[in-house]
Amino acid sequence: MTATTTTTITAMTRRTYGGPEVLQVEELPAPVPGAGELLLAVEAAAVNPADRYFMLGVPTLVRTRTGFGEPKSPTFGIDVAGVVLALGPDVTGFAVGDRVVGASAGGYAEQATVRASHAAVIPEGVATSDAAMLPVAGSTALQGLVHGEVGPGTRVLVNGASGGVGHLAVQLAVAMGAEVTGVCSTRNVDFVRSLGATDVVDYTTTDYADLGRTWDVLFDNHGNHAPSVNRGVLAKDGRWVVVNGPMTSTTWGPMKYVIAALGSSLFASQKAVQFTAQEDTATLTTLLEYMAAGSLTPHIERRFPLADLASAMEHLATNRTRGKLLIEVG
């Protein structure tokens, strides 16, 4: 491991669960990379719904990862990008000084560790801040489309096409050769069309279920239709990729909806698919290749300094974010 001279770092922490009011700036000991880990000087981080749940401790299911009574670790934040400061034992394929994007457990800080198996080197021509938007949202979008068997000529309906995952899914589906219809609000119609969507449905005036059309894949970021309704908009052998659902329970979150979706397809020709995205090196490398080729560009709606993470969390809670929110660290 290569030593650094920094002994303390500034980090945003939460010592208890709650809203943005529990966040505070702290000076903490600098992290040390363990076996298979990289230490990054964080330049940029993203804000994801998962990070907000880790702050709130809701649904209770997330506490199986973060700690039940109080957070096991005060730091949090998944998506990070920056420069490698040090390598832990058994790390190959990376070098000190590399620009890297990866998934962390403490990304809202000046330094953070990431597992090498959950990181990738950022190629020339790709901005560090753009790369930081990829791990959670990008992996979810890409792996969801793969589960949906999207390819040339596939007709894809993206429900929630302007959000963090959705706006990336639209671009990736187009890059895969699909014909994409995006669903969004009035103010985002032009934005979604600019991403490459052939058709855009304004849900404030039109319900996609009332169009009398069918698609091969429904990439569903919202879960705001009954399973029977969603099966009705799919082709005979269509696939419903269930990315998210309504928070019907403070204990289980959207699991009731997910289970209903999966159950509804047991004896139907249209199949519901649910998955847990993996922010692994192979996925991140593929996403970065799409970015380097100009086929994928994360949209950053707003940028916040690290110390203003609370404002970013408040903005995320409005469910009105177009694309992603960036935390500027380094």
C-alpha atoms as a PDB file:
ATOM      1  CA  MET A   1       0.000   0.000   0.000  1.00  0.00           C
ATOM      2  CA  THR A   2       1.207   3.509  -0.834  1.00  0.00           C
ATOM      3  CA  ALA A   3       1.079   5.787   2.206  1.00  0.00           C
ATOM      4  CA  THR A   4      -0.486   9.250   2.195  1.00  0.00           C
ATOM      5  CA  THR A   5       0.328  12.172   4.450  1.00  0.00           C
ATOM      6  CA  THR A   6      -3.319  12.998   5.192  1.00  0.00           C
ATOM      7  CA  THR A   7      -4.423  11.863   8.640  1.00  0.00           C
ATOM      8  CA  THR A   8      -7.896  13.426   8.753  1.00  0.00           C
ATOM      9  CA  ILE A   9     -10.608  14.188   6.215  1.00  0.00           C
ATOM     10  CA  THR A  10     -13.793  16.225   6.069  1.00  0.00           C
ATOM     11  CA  ALA A  11     -16.924  14.146   5.673  1.00  0.00           C
ATOM     12  CA  MET A  12     -20.678  14.547   5.791  1.00  0.00           C
ATOM     13  CA  THR A  13     -22.060  12.183   8.416  1.00  0.00           C
ATOM     14  CA  ARG A  14     -25.249  11.089  10.107  1.00  0.00           C
ATOM     15  CA  ARG A  15     -24.921   9.611  13.581  1.00  0.00           C
ATOM     16  CA  THR A  16     -28.627   8.839  13.782  1.00  0.00           C
ATOM     17  CA  TYR A  17     -31.377   8.219  11.257  1.00  0.00           C
ATOM     18  CA  GLY A  18     -33.580  11.073  10.129  1.00  0.00           C
ATOM     19  CA  GLY A  19     -34.094  13.825   7.584  1.00  0.00           C
ATOM     20  CA  PRO A  20     -31.478  16.248   6.251  1.00  0.00           C
ATOM     21  CA  GLU A  21     -31.327  17.870   9.693  1.00  0.00           C
ATOM     22  CA  VAL A  22     -29.256  14.914  10.998  1.00  0.00           C
ATOM     23  CA  LEU A  23     -26.435  15.610   8.548  1.00  0.00           C
ATOM     24  CA  GLN A  24     -23.312  17.276   9.870  1.00  0.00           C
ATOM     25  CA  VAL A  25     -19.767  18.112   8.799  1.00  0.00           C
ATOM     26  CA  GLU A  26     -17.117  16.183  10.727  1.00  0.00           C
ATOM     27  CA  GLU A  27     -13.382  15.696  10.722  1.00  0.00           C
ATOM     28  CA  LEU A  28     -12.665  11.966  10.700  1.00  0.00           C
ATOM     29  CA  PRO A  29      -9.563   9.795  10.507  1.00  0.00           C
ATOM     30  CA  ALA A  30      -8.559   9.213   6.898  1.00  0.00           C
ATOM     31  CA  PRO A  31      -9.709   5.793   5.657  1.00  0.00           C
ATOM     32  CA  VAL A  32      -7.153   3.069   4.975  1.00  0.00           C
ATOM     33  CA  PRO A  33      -7.746   0.691   2.054  1.00  0.00           C
ATOM     34  CA  GLY A  34      -8.032  -2.973   2.989  1.00  0.00           C
ATOM     35  CA  ALA A  35      -7.362  -6.015   0.841  1.00  0.00           C
ATOM     36  CA  GLY A  36      -8.802  -5.551  -2.639  1.00  0.00           C
ATOM     37  CA  GLU A  37      -9.623  -1.879  -2.055  1.00  0.00           C
ATOM     38  CA  LEU A  38      -8.615   1.463  -3.545  1.00  0.00           C
ATOM     39  CA  LEU A  39      -8.344   4.738  -1.652  1.00  0.00           C
ATOM     40  CA  LEU A  40      -9.697   7.670  -3.661  1.00  0.00           C
ATOM     41  CA  ALA A  41      -9.323  11.398  -3.307  1.00  0.00           C
ATOM     42  CA  VAL A  42     -12.995  12.049  -4.056  1.00  0.00           C
ATOM     43  CA  GLU A  43     -13.691  14.780  -6.587  1.00  0.00           C
ATOM     44  CA  ALA A  44     -17.373  14.153  -7.223  1.00  0.00           C
ATOM     45  CA  ALA A  45     -20.232  12.091  -5.814  1.00  0.00           C
ATOM     46  CA  ALA A  46     -23.825  11.542  -6.888  1.00  0.00           C
ATOM     47  CA  VAL A  47     -27.057  11.629  -4.902  1.00  0.00           C
ATOM     48  CA  ASN A  48     -29.247   8.533  -5.206  1.00  0.00           C
ATOM     49  CA  PRO A  49     -32.569   7.551  -3.640  1.00  0.00           C
ATOM     50  CA  ALA A  50     -30.648   4.710  -1.945  1.00  0.00           C
ATOM     51  CA  ASP A  51     -28.428   7.271  -0.202  1.00  0.00           C
ATOM     52  CA  ARG A  52     -31.512   9.079   1.048  1.00  0.00           C
ATOM     53  CA  TYR A  53     -32.912   5.822   2.412  1.00  0.00           C
ATOM     54  CA  PHE A  54     -29.594   5.170   4.170  1.00  0.00           C
ATOM     55  CA  MET A  55     -29.954   8.613   5.763  1.00  0.00           C
ATOM     56  CA  LEU A  56     -33.598   8.106   6.761  1.00  0.00           C
ATOM     57  CA  GLY A  57     -33.268   4.465   7.788  1.00  0.00           C
ATOM     58  CA  VAL A  58     -36.551   3.912   5.922  1.00  0.00           C
ATOM     59  CA  PRO A  59     -37.787   1.469   4.787  1.00  0.00           C
ATOM     60  CA  THR A  60     -36.614  -0.566   7.750  1.00  0.00           C
ATOM     61  CA  LEU A  61     -35.306  -3.172   5.327  1.00  0.00           C
ATOM     62  CA  VAL A  62     -32.303  -0.929   4.537  1.00  0.00           C
ATOM     63  CA  ARG A  63     -31.170  -1.183   8.162  1.00  0.00           C
ATOM     64  CA  THR A  64     -30.103  -4.765   7.521  1.00  0.00           C
ATOM     65  CA  ARG A  65     -27.194  -3.106   5.669  1.00  0.00           C
ATOM     66  CA  THR A  66     -26.699   0.065   7.673  1.00  0.00           C
ATOM     67  CA  GLY A  67     -27.485  -0.921  11.286  1.00  0.00           C
ATOM     68  CA  PHE A  68     -30.779  -1.208  13.173  1.00  0.00           C
ATOM     69  CA  GLY A  69     -30.630   1.104  16.200  1.00  0.00           C
ATOM     70  CA  GLU A  70     -28.277   3.631  14.657  1.00  0.00           C
ATOM     71  CA  PRO A  71     -25.963   3.660  11.633  1.00  0.00           C
ATOM     72  CA  LYS A  72     -23.024   1.283  11.973  1.00  0.00           C
ATOM     73  CA  SER A  73     -20.876   3.826  10.146  1.00  0.00           C
ATOM     74  CA  PRO A  74     -21.392   7.587  10.246  1.00  0.00           C
ATOM     75  CA  THR A  75     -20.332   7.993   6.608  1.00  0.00           C
ATOM     76  CA  PHE A  76     -22.403   7.043   3.578  1.00  0.00           C
ATOM     77  CA  GLY A  77     -22.744   7.764  -0.146  1.00  0.00           C
ATOM     78  CA  ILE A  78     -22.402   5.184  -2.931  1.00  0.00           C
ATOM     79  CA  ASP A  79     -21.345   6.875  -6.193  1.00  0.00           C
ATOM     80  CA  VAL A  80     -17.835   8.357  -6.179  1.00  0.00           C
ATOM     81  CA  ALA A  81     -15.202   9.389  -8.693  1.00  0.00           C
ATOM     82  CA  GLY A  82     -11.726  10.737  -8.132  1.00  0.00           C
ATOM     83  CA  VAL A  83      -8.026   9.956  -8.158  1.00  0.00           C
ATOM     84  CA  VAL A  84      -6.413   6.851  -6.671  1.00  0.00           C
ATOM     85  CA  LEU A  85      -4.256   7.765  -3.670  1.00  0.00           C
ATOM     86  CA  ALA A  86      -3.340   4.283  -2.477  1.00  0.00           C
ATOM     87  CA  LEU A  87      -3.824   0.597  -3.232  1.00  0.00           C
ATOM     88  CA  GLY A  88      -4.707  -2.029  -0.696  1.00  0.00           C
ATOM     89  CA  PRO A  89      -3.144  -5.519  -0.794  1.00  0.00           C
ATOM     90  CA  ASP A  90      -4.026  -7.776  -3.731  1.00  0.00           C
ATOM     91  CA  VAL A  91      -5.184  -4.969  -6.032  1.00  0.00           C
ATOM     92  CA  THR A  92      -4.332  -5.329  -9.716  1.00  0.00           C
ATOM     93  CA  GLY A  93      -5.353  -3.348 -12.763  1.00  0.00           C
ATOM     94  CA  PHE A  94      -5.157   0.048 -11.042  1.00  0.00           C
ATOM     95  CA  ALA A  95      -2.350   2.461 -10.236  1.00  0.00           C
ATOM     96  CA  VAL A  96      -1.880   5.459  -7.986  1.00  0.00           C
ATOM     97  CA  GLY A  97      -2.901   8.529  -9.962  1.00  0.00           C
ATOM     98  CA  ASP A  98      -5.617   6.794 -12.036  1.00  0.00           C
ATOM     99  CA  ARG A  99      -8.946   8.561 -12.405  1.00  0.00           C
ATOM    100  CA  VAL A 100     -11.475   6.054 -11.159  1.00  0.00           C
ATOM    101  CA  VAL A 101     -15.241   5.741 -10.650  1.00  0.00           C
ATOM    102  CA  GLY A 102     -16.712   3.240  -8.252  1.00  0.00           C
ATOM    103  CA  ALA A 103     -19.215   2.258  -5.574  1.00  0.00           C
ATOM    104  CA  SER A 104     -18.342   3.115  -1.997  1.00  0.00           C
ATOM    105  CA  ALA A 105     -19.939   2.973   1.436  1.00  0.00           C
ATOM    106  CA  GLY A 106     -18.680   6.410   2.452  1.00  0.00           C
ATOM    107  CA  GLY A 107     -18.540   8.594  -0.623  1.00  0.00           C
ATOM    108  CA  TYR A 108     -19.682  11.882   0.911  1.00  0.00           C
ATOM    109  CA  ALA A 109     -16.171  12.639   2.087  1.00  0.00           C
ATOM    110  CA  GLU A 110     -12.840  13.975   0.873  1.00  0.00           C
ATOM    111  CA  GLN A 111     -11.481  10.424   0.720  1.00  0.00           C
ATOM    112  CA  ALA A 112     -13.239   7.091   0.384  1.00  0.00           C
ATOM    113  CA  THR A 113     -12.405   3.445  -0.188  1.00  0.00           C
ATOM    114  CA  VAL A 114     -13.922   1.398  -2.999  1.00  0.00           C
ATOM    115  CA  ARG A 115     -13.502  -2.256  -3.810  1.00  0.00           C
ATOM    116  CA  ALA A 116     -11.447  -2.736  -6.961  1.00  0.00           C
ATOM    117  CA  SER A 117     -14.114  -5.177  -8.176  1.00  0.00           C
ATOM    118  CA  HIS A 118     -16.619  -2.287  -8.013  1.00  0.00           C
ATOM    119  CA  ALA A 119     -14.488   0.320  -9.784  1.00  0.00           C
ATOM    120  CA  ALA A 120     -13.236   1.187 -13.266  1.00  0.00           C
ATOM    121  CA  VAL A 121     -10.662   3.546 -14.764  1.00  0.00           C
ATOM    122  CA  ILE A 122     -12.212   6.613 -16.398  1.00  0.00           C
ATOM    123  CA  PRO A 123     -11.047   6.958 -20.022  1.00  0.00           C
ATOM    124  CA  GLU A 124      -9.702  10.133 -21.529  1.00  0.00           C
ATOM    125  CA  GLY A 125     -12.434  12.438 -22.764  1.00  0.00           C
ATOM    126  CA  VAL A 126     -14.893  11.479 -20.014  1.00  0.00           C
ATOM    127  CA  ALA A 127     -15.313  14.078 -17.267  1.00  0.00           C
ATOM    128  CA  THR A 128     -14.839  12.859 -13.706  1.00  0.00           C
ATOM    129  CA  SER A 129     -18.070  14.557 -12.647  1.00  0.00           C
ATOM    130  CA  ASP A 130     -20.036  12.791 -15.393  1.00  0.00           C
ATOM    131  CA  ALA A 131     -18.524   9.416 -14.530  1.00  0.00           C
ATOM    132  CA  ALA A 132     -19.570   9.869 -10.888  1.00  0.00           C
ATOM    133  CA  MET A 133     -23.219   9.691 -11.967  1.00  0.00           C
ATOM    134  CA  LEU A 134     -22.875   6.104 -13.233  1.00  0.00           C
ATOM    135  CA  PRO A 135     -22.500   3.433 -10.527  1.00  0.00           C
ATOM    136  CA  VAL A 136     -26.039   3.101  -9.161  1.00  0.00           C
ATOM    137  CA  ALA A 137     -28.211   4.675 -11.871  1.00  0.00           C
ATOM    138  CA  GLY A 138     -26.107   3.550 -14.813  1.00  0.00           C
ATOM    139  CA  SER A 139     -25.733  -0.021 -13.576  1.00  0.00           C
ATOM    140  CA  THR A 140     -29.469  -0.220 -12.916  1.00  0.00           C
ATOM    141  CA  ALA A 141     -30.282   1.095 -16.382  1.00  0.00           C
ATOM    142  CA  LEU A 142     -27.839  -1.145 -18.261  1.00  0.00           C
ATOM    143  CA  GLN A 143     -28.514  -4.349 -16.345  1.00  0.00           C
ATOM    144  CA  GLY A 144     -32.257  -3.757 -16.479  1.00  0.00           C
ATOM    145  CA  LEU A 145     -32.143  -3.458 -20.252  1.00  0.00           C
ATOM    146  CA  VAL A 146     -30.040  -6.614 -20.460  1.00  0.00           C
ATOM    147  CA  HIS A 147     -32.588  -8.455 -18.299  1.00  0.00           C
ATOM    148  CA  GLY A 148     -35.233  -7.144 -20.675  1.00  0.00           C
ATOM    149  CA  GLU A 149     -33.298  -8.623 -23.612  1.00  0.00           C
ATOM    150  CA  VAL A 150     -33.243  -5.273 -25.398  1.00  0.00           C
ATOM    151  CA  GLY A 151     -31.601  -5.252 -28.820  1.00  0.00           C
ATOM    152  CA  PRO A 152     -32.001  -3.907 -32.353  1.00  0.00           C
ATOM    153  CA  GLY A 153     -35.649  -3.293 -33.179  1.00  0.00           C
ATOM    154  CA  THR A 154     -36.938  -3.874 -29.644  1.00  0.00           C
ATOM    155  CA  ARG A 155     -39.844  -1.599 -28.771  1.00  0.00           C
ATOM    156  CA  VAL A 156     -39.147  -0.209 -25.284  1.00  0.00           C
ATOM    157  CA  LEU A 157     -41.410   1.860 -23.053  1.00  0.00           C
ATOM    158  CA  VAL A 158     -39.487   3.702 -20.314  1.00  0.00           C
ATOM    159  CA  ASN A 159     -41.843   4.783 -17.540  1.00  0.00           C
ATOM    160  CA  GLY A 160     -40.041   7.595 -15.711  1.00  0.00           C
ATOM    161  CA  ALA A 161     -37.810   8.605 -18.601  1.00  0.00           C
ATOM    162  CA  SER A 162     -36.435  11.877 -17.226  1.00  0.00           C
ATOM    163  CA  GLY A 163     -35.131  10.712 -13.833  1.00  0.00           C
ATOM    164  CA  GLY A 164     -31.729   9.451 -12.759  1.00  0.00           C
ATOM    165  CA  VAL A 165     -32.129   5.877 -14.002  1.00  0.00           C
ATOM    166  CA  GLY A 166     -34.688   6.619 -16.704  1.00  0.00           C
ATOM    167  CA  HIS A 167     -32.738   9.214 -18.679  1.00  0.00           C
ATOM    168  CA  LEU A 168     -29.781   6.833 -18.849  1.00  0.00           C
ATOM    169  CA  ALA A 169     -32.021   3.899 -19.809  1.00  0.00           C
ATOM    170  CA  VAL A 170     -33.448   5.872 -22.737  1.00  0.00           C
ATOM    171  CA  GLN A 171     -29.988   6.643 -24.108  1.00  0.00           C
ATOM    172  CA  LEU A 172     -28.673   3.121 -23.594  1.00  0.00           C
ATOM    173  CA  ALA A 173     -31.725   1.520 -25.212  1.00  0.00           C
ATOM    174  CA  VAL A 174     -31.313   3.799 -28.235  1.00  0.00           C
ATOM    175  CA  ALA A 175     -27.615   2.878 -28.413  1.00  0.00           C
ATOM    176  CA  MET A 176     -28.640  -0.796 -28.402  1.00  0.00           C
ATOM    177  CA  GLY A 177     -30.802  -0.178 -31.454  1.00  0.00           C
ATOM    178  CA  ALA A 178     -34.182  -0.099 -29.718  1.00  0.00           C
ATOM    179  CA  GLU A 179     -37.175   2.073 -30.585  1.00  0.00           C
ATOM    180  CA  VAL A 180     -37.895   3.983 -27.373  1.00  0.00           C
ATOM    181  CA  THR A 181     -41.046   5.608 -26.028  1.00  0.00           C
ATOM    182  CA  GLY A 182     -40.476   7.737 -22.922  1.00  0.00           C
ATOM    183  CA  VAL A 183     -43.030   8.655 -20.258  1.00  0.00           C
ATOM    184  CA  CYS A 184     -42.525  11.920 -18.369  1.00  0.00           C
ATOM    185  CA  SER A 185     -44.211  15.161 -17.295  1.00  0.00           C
ATOM    186  CA  THR A 186     -44.916  18.120 -19.573  1.00  0.00           C
ATOM    187  CA  ARG A 187     -41.800  20.055 -18.605  1.00  0.00           C
ATOM    188  CA  ASN A 188     -39.550  17.132 -19.560  1.00  0.00           C
ATOM    189  CA  VAL A 189     -41.044  16.192 -22.932  1.00  0.00           C
ATOM    190  CA  ASP A 190     -38.419  18.050 -24.985  1.00  0.00           C
ATOM    191  CA  PHE A 191     -35.640  16.768 -22.719  1.00  0.00           C
ATOM    192  CA  VAL A 192     -36.654  13.124 -23.161  1.00  0.00           C
ATOM    193  CA  ARG A 193     -36.999  13.588 -26.908  1.00  0.00           C
ATOM    194  CA  SER A 194     -33.452  15.023 -26.967  1.00  0.00           C
ATOM    195  CA  LEU A 195     -32.202  11.782 -25.401  1.00  0.00           C
ATOM    196  CA  GLY A 196     -33.249   9.889 -28.512  1.00  0.00           C
ATOM    197  CA  ALA A 197     -36.778   8.758 -27.691  1.00  0.00           C
ATOM    198  CA  THR A 198     -38.874   8.282 -30.823  1.00  0.00           C
ATOM    199  CA  ASP A 199     -42.113   9.015 -28.959  1.00  0.00           C
ATOM    200  CA  VAL A 200     -42.815  10.782 -25.681  1.00  0.00           C
ATOM    201  CA  VAL A 201     -45.956  10.347 -23.564  1.00  0.00           C
ATOM    202  CA  ASP A 202     -46.875  13.222 -21.249  1.00  0.00           C
ATOM    203  CA  TYR A 203     -48.405  11.426 -18.274  1.00  0.00           C
ATOM    204  CA  THR A 204     -50.135  14.602 -17.070  1.00  0.00           C
ATOM    205  CA  THR A 205     -52.452  14.418 -20.076  1.00  0.00           C
ATOM    206  CA  THR A 206     -52.196  10.827 -21.305  1.00  0.00           C
ATOM    207  CA  ASP A 207     -52.007   7.426 -19.642  1.00  0.00           C
ATOM    208  CA  TYR A 208     -49.764   5.082 -21.613  1.00  0.00           C
ATOM    209  CA  ALA A 209     -52.189   2.280 -20.796  1.00  0.00           C
ATOM    210  CA  ASP A 210     -54.926   4.069 -22.771  1.00  0.00           C
ATOM    211  CA  LEU A 211     -52.997   4.362 -26.035  1.00  0.00           C
ATOM    212  CA  GLY A 212     -53.948   0.932 -27.354  1.00  0.00           C
ATOM    213  CA  ARG A 213     -50.292   0.214 -28.112  1.00  0.00           C
ATOM    214  CA  THR A 214     -47.984  -2.577 -27.036  1.00  0.00           C
ATOM    215  CA  TRP A 215     -44.254  -2.747 -26.419  1.00  0.00           C
ATOM    216  CA  ASP A 216     -41.757  -5.582 -26.166  1.00  0.00           C
ATOM    217  CA  VAL A 217     -40.257  -4.219 -22.940  1.00  0.00           C
ATOM    218  CA  LEU A 218     -41.648  -2.020 -20.189  1.00  0.00           C
ATOM    219  CA  PHE A 219     -38.773  -0.510 -18.209  1.00  0.00           C
ATOM    220  CA  ASP A 220     -40.707   0.604 -15.155  1.00  0.00           C
ATOM    221  CA  ASN A 221     -39.155   3.124 -12.763  1.00  0.00           C
ATOM    222  CA  HIS A 222     -42.384   3.957 -10.924  1.00  0.00           C
ATOM    223  CA  GLY A 223     -44.724   1.005 -10.505  1.00  0.00           C
ATOM    224  CA  ASN A 224     -47.736   3.301 -10.688  1.00  0.00           C
ATOM    225  CA  HIS A 225     -49.969   0.887 -12.602  1.00  0.00           C
ATOM    226  CA  ALA A 226     -51.546  -2.372 -11.506  1.00  0.00           C
ATOM    227  CA  PRO A 227     -49.796  -5.530 -12.743  1.00  0.00           C
ATOM    228  CA  SER A 228     -52.749  -6.434 -14.951  1.00  0.00           C
ATOM    229  CA  VAL A 229     -52.597  -3.016 -16.606  1.00  0.00           C
ATOM    230  CA  ASN A 230     -48.885  -3.279 -17.319  1.00  0.00           C
ATOM    231  CA  ARG A 231     -49.259  -6.748 -18.789  1.00  0.00           C
ATOM    232  CA  GLY A 232     -51.879  -5.244 -21.083  1.00  0.00           C
ATOM    233  CA  VAL A 233     -49.345  -2.889 -22.709  1.00  0.00           C
ATOM    234  CA  LEU A 234     -46.874  -5.683 -23.430  1.00  0.00           C
ATOM    235  CA  ALA A 235     -46.583  -7.799 -26.538  1.00  0.00           C
ATOM    236  CA  LYS A 236     -47.424 -11.487 -26.215  1.00  0.00           C
ATOM    237  CA  ASP A 237     -43.932 -12.430 -24.979  1.00  0.00           C
ATOM    238  CA  GLY A 238     -43.091  -9.012 -23.541  1.00  0.00           C
ATOM    239  CA  ARG A 239     -40.927  -8.365 -20.499  1.00  0.00           C
ATOM    240  CA  TRP A 240     -41.760  -6.012 -17.637  1.00  0.00           C
ATOM    241  CA  VAL A 241     -38.546  -4.861 -15.943  1.00  0.00           C
ATOM    242  CA  VAL A 242     -39.608  -3.785 -12.449  1.00  0.00           C
ATOM    243  CA  VAL A 243     -36.999  -1.238 -11.352  1.00  0.00           C
ATOM    244  CA  ASN A 244     -38.996   0.373  -8.573  1.00  0.00           C
ATOM    245  CA  GLY A 245     -42.438   0.525  -7.019  1.00  0.00           C
ATOM    246  CA  PRO A 246     -44.495   2.625  -4.610  1.00  0.00           C
ATOM    247  CA  MET A 247     -43.371   2.841  -0.974  1.00  0.00           C
ATOM    248  CA  THR A 248     -46.419   1.118   0.430  1.00  0.00           C
ATOM    249  CA  SER A 249     -44.692   0.056   3.650  1.00  0.00           C
ATOM    250  CA  THR A 250     -42.179   1.765   5.946  1.00  0.00           C
ATOM    251  CA  THR A 251     -40.849  -1.697   6.741  1.00  0.00           C
ATOM    252  CA  TRP A 252     -40.638  -3.378   3.336  1.00  0.00           C
ATOM    253  CA  GLY A 253     -40.734  -0.398   0.990  1.00  0.00           C
ATOM    254  CA  PRO A 254     -41.850  -1.387  -2.527  1.00  0.00           C
ATOM    255  CA  MET A 255     -41.534  -5.148  -1.951  1.00  0.00           C
ATOM    256  CA  LYS A 256     -45.301  -5.708  -1.786  1.00  0.00           C
ATOM    257  CA  TYR A 257     -45.658  -4.271  -5.277  1.00  0.00           C
ATOM    258  CA  VAL A 258     -42.628  -6.159  -6.581  1.00  0.00           C
ATOM    259  CA  ILE A 259     -43.960  -9.466  -5.243  1.00  0.00           C
ATOM    260  CA  ALA A 260     -47.372  -8.767  -6.798  1.00  0.00           C
ATOM    261  CA  ALA A 261     -45.707  -7.999 -10.130  1.00  0.00           C
ATOM    262  CA  LEU A 262     -43.663 -11.196 -10.098  1.00  0.00           C
ATOM    263  CA  GLY A 263     -46.647 -13.265  -8.984  1.00  0.00           C
ATOM    264  CA  SER A 264     -48.842 -11.870 -11.741  1.00  0.00           C
ATOM    265  CA  SER A 265     -46.498 -13.183 -14.407  1.00  0.00           C
ATOM    266  CA  LEU A 266     -46.134 -16.739 -13.116  1.00  0.00           C
ATOM    267  CA  PHE A 267     -48.761 -18.090 -15.490  1.00  0.00           C
ATOM    268  CA  ALA A 268     -48.649 -15.358 -18.135  1.00  0.00           C
ATOM    269  CA  SER A 269     -46.680 -15.175 -21.365  1.00  0.00           C
ATOM    270  CA  GLN A 270     -45.483 -11.694 -20.402  1.00  0.00           C
ATOM    271  CA  LYS A 271     -42.831 -11.989 -17.714  1.00  0.00           C
ATOM    272  CA  ALA A 272     -42.007  -9.563 -14.901  1.00  0.00           C
ATOM    273  CA  VAL A 273     -38.294  -9.293 -14.086  1.00  0.00           C
ATOM    274  CA  GLN A 274     -36.841  -7.868 -10.891  1.00  0.00           C
ATOM    275  CA  PHE A 275     -33.150  -7.648 -10.091  1.00  0.00           C
ATOM    276  CA  THR A 276     -30.609  -6.043  -7.792  1.00  0.00           C
ATOM    277  CA  ALA A 277     -28.094  -4.001  -9.764  1.00  0.00           C
ATOM    278  CA  GLN A 278     -24.413  -4.831  -9.275  1.00  0.00           C
ATOM    279  CA  GLU A 279     -21.978  -1.934  -9.636  1.00  0.00           C
ATOM    280  CA  ASP A 280     -19.166  -4.164 -10.886  1.00  0.00           C
ATOM    281  CA  THR A 281     -16.105  -3.382 -12.987  1.00  0.00           C
ATOM    282  CA  ALA A 282     -17.492  -4.956 -16.152  1.00  0.00           C
ATOM    283  CA  THR A 283     -20.712  -2.930 -16.001  1.00  0.00           C
ATOM    284  CA  LEU A 284     -18.933   0.332 -15.206  1.00  0.00           C
ATOM    285  CA  THR A 285     -16.438  -0.263 -18.015  1.00  0.00           C
ATOM    286  CA  THR A 286     -19.265  -0.815 -20.505  1.00  0.00           C
ATOM    287  CA  LEU A 287     -21.008   2.363 -19.369  1.00  0.00           C
ATOM    288  CA  LEU A 288     -17.781   4.350 -19.691  1.00  0.00           C
ATOM    289  CA  GLU A 289     -17.307   2.964 -23.209  1.00  0.00           C
ATOM    290  CA  TYR A 290     -20.775   4.224 -24.148  1.00  0.00           C
ATOM    291  CA  MET A 291     -19.830   7.621 -22.705  1.00  0.00           C
ATOM    292  CA  ALA A 292     -16.494   7.750 -24.531  1.00  0.00           C
ATOM    293  CA  ALA A 293     -18.297   6.914 -27.780  1.00  0.00           C
ATOM    294  CA  GLY A 294     -20.759   9.772 -27.225  1.00  0.00           C
ATOM    295  CA  SER A 295     -23.789   7.486 -26.859  1.00  0.00           C
ATOM    296  CA  LEU A 296     -24.378   8.198 -23.160  1.00  0.00           C
ATOM    297  CA  THR A 297     -24.277  11.549 -21.373  1.00  0.00           C
ATOM    298  CA  PRO A 298     -25.523  11.843 -17.788  1.00  0.00           C
ATOM    299  CA  HIS A 299     -27.530  15.013 -17.283  1.00  0.00           C
ATOM    300  CA  ILE A 300     -26.556  16.909 -14.124  1.00  0.00           C
ATOM    301  CA  GLU A 301     -29.432  19.152 -13.099  1.00  0.00           C
ATOM    302  CA  ARG A 302     -27.747  20.795 -10.120  1.00  0.00           C
ATOM    303  CA  ARG A 303     -24.390  20.849  -8.360  1.00  0.00           C
ATOM    304  CA  PHE A 304     -23.968  21.182  -4.602  1.00  0.00           C
ATOM    305  CA  PRO A 305     -20.878  21.587  -2.425  1.00  0.00           C
ATOM    306  CA  LEU A 306     -20.239  18.749   0.003  1.00  0.00           C
ATOM    307  CA  ALA A 307     -21.265  20.874   2.978  1.00  0.00           C
ATOM    308  CA  ASP A 308     -24.682  21.457   1.372  1.00  0.00           C
ATOM    309  CA  LEU A 309     -25.604  17.789   1.052  1.00  0.00           C
ATOM    310  CA  ALA A 310     -28.760  18.499   3.077  1.00  0.00           C
ATOM    311  CA  SER A 311     -30.093  20.766   0.315  1.00  0.00           C
ATOM    312  CA  ALA A 312     -29.382  18.082  -2.268  1.00  0.00           C
ATOM    313  CA  MET A 313     -31.317  15.539  -0.210  1.00  0.00           C
ATOM    314  CA  GLU A 314     -34.243  17.953   0.106  1.00  0.00           C
ATOM    315  CA  HIS A 315     -34.256  18.491  -3.646  1.00  0.00           C
ATOM    316  CA  LEU A 316     -34.131  14.752  -4.318  1.00  0.00           C
ATOM    317  CA  ALA A 317     -37.138  14.238  -2.046  1.00  0.00           C
ATOM    318  CA  THR A 318     -39.308  16.368  -4.363  1.00  0.00           C
ATOM    319  CA  ASN A 319     -39.126  13.578  -6.983  1.00  0.00           C
ATOM    320  CA  ARG A 320     -38.749  16.292  -9.588  1.00  0.00           C
ATOM    321  CA  THR A 321     -35.074  15.889 -10.439  1.00  0.00           C
ATOM    322  CA  ARG A 322     -34.254  15.857 -14.130  1.00  0.00           C
ATOM    323  CA  GLY A 323     -31.317  13.504 -14.476  1.00  0.00           C
ATOM    324  CA  LYS A 324     -28.879  13.528 -11.558  1.00  0.00           C
ATOM    325  CA  LEU A 325     -27.608  15.696  -8.696  1.00  0.00           C
ATOM    326  CA  LEU A 326     -23.858  16.187  -8.232  1.00  0.00           C
ATOM    327  CA  ILE A 327     -21.930  16.712  -5.009  1.00  0.00           C
ATOM    328  CA  GLU A 328     -18.671  18.592  -5.646  1.00  0.00           C
ATOM    329  CA  VAL A 329     -16.000  17.417  -3.231  1.00  0.00           C
ATOM    330  CA  GLY A 330     -12.486  17.941  -4.547  1.00  0.00           C
END
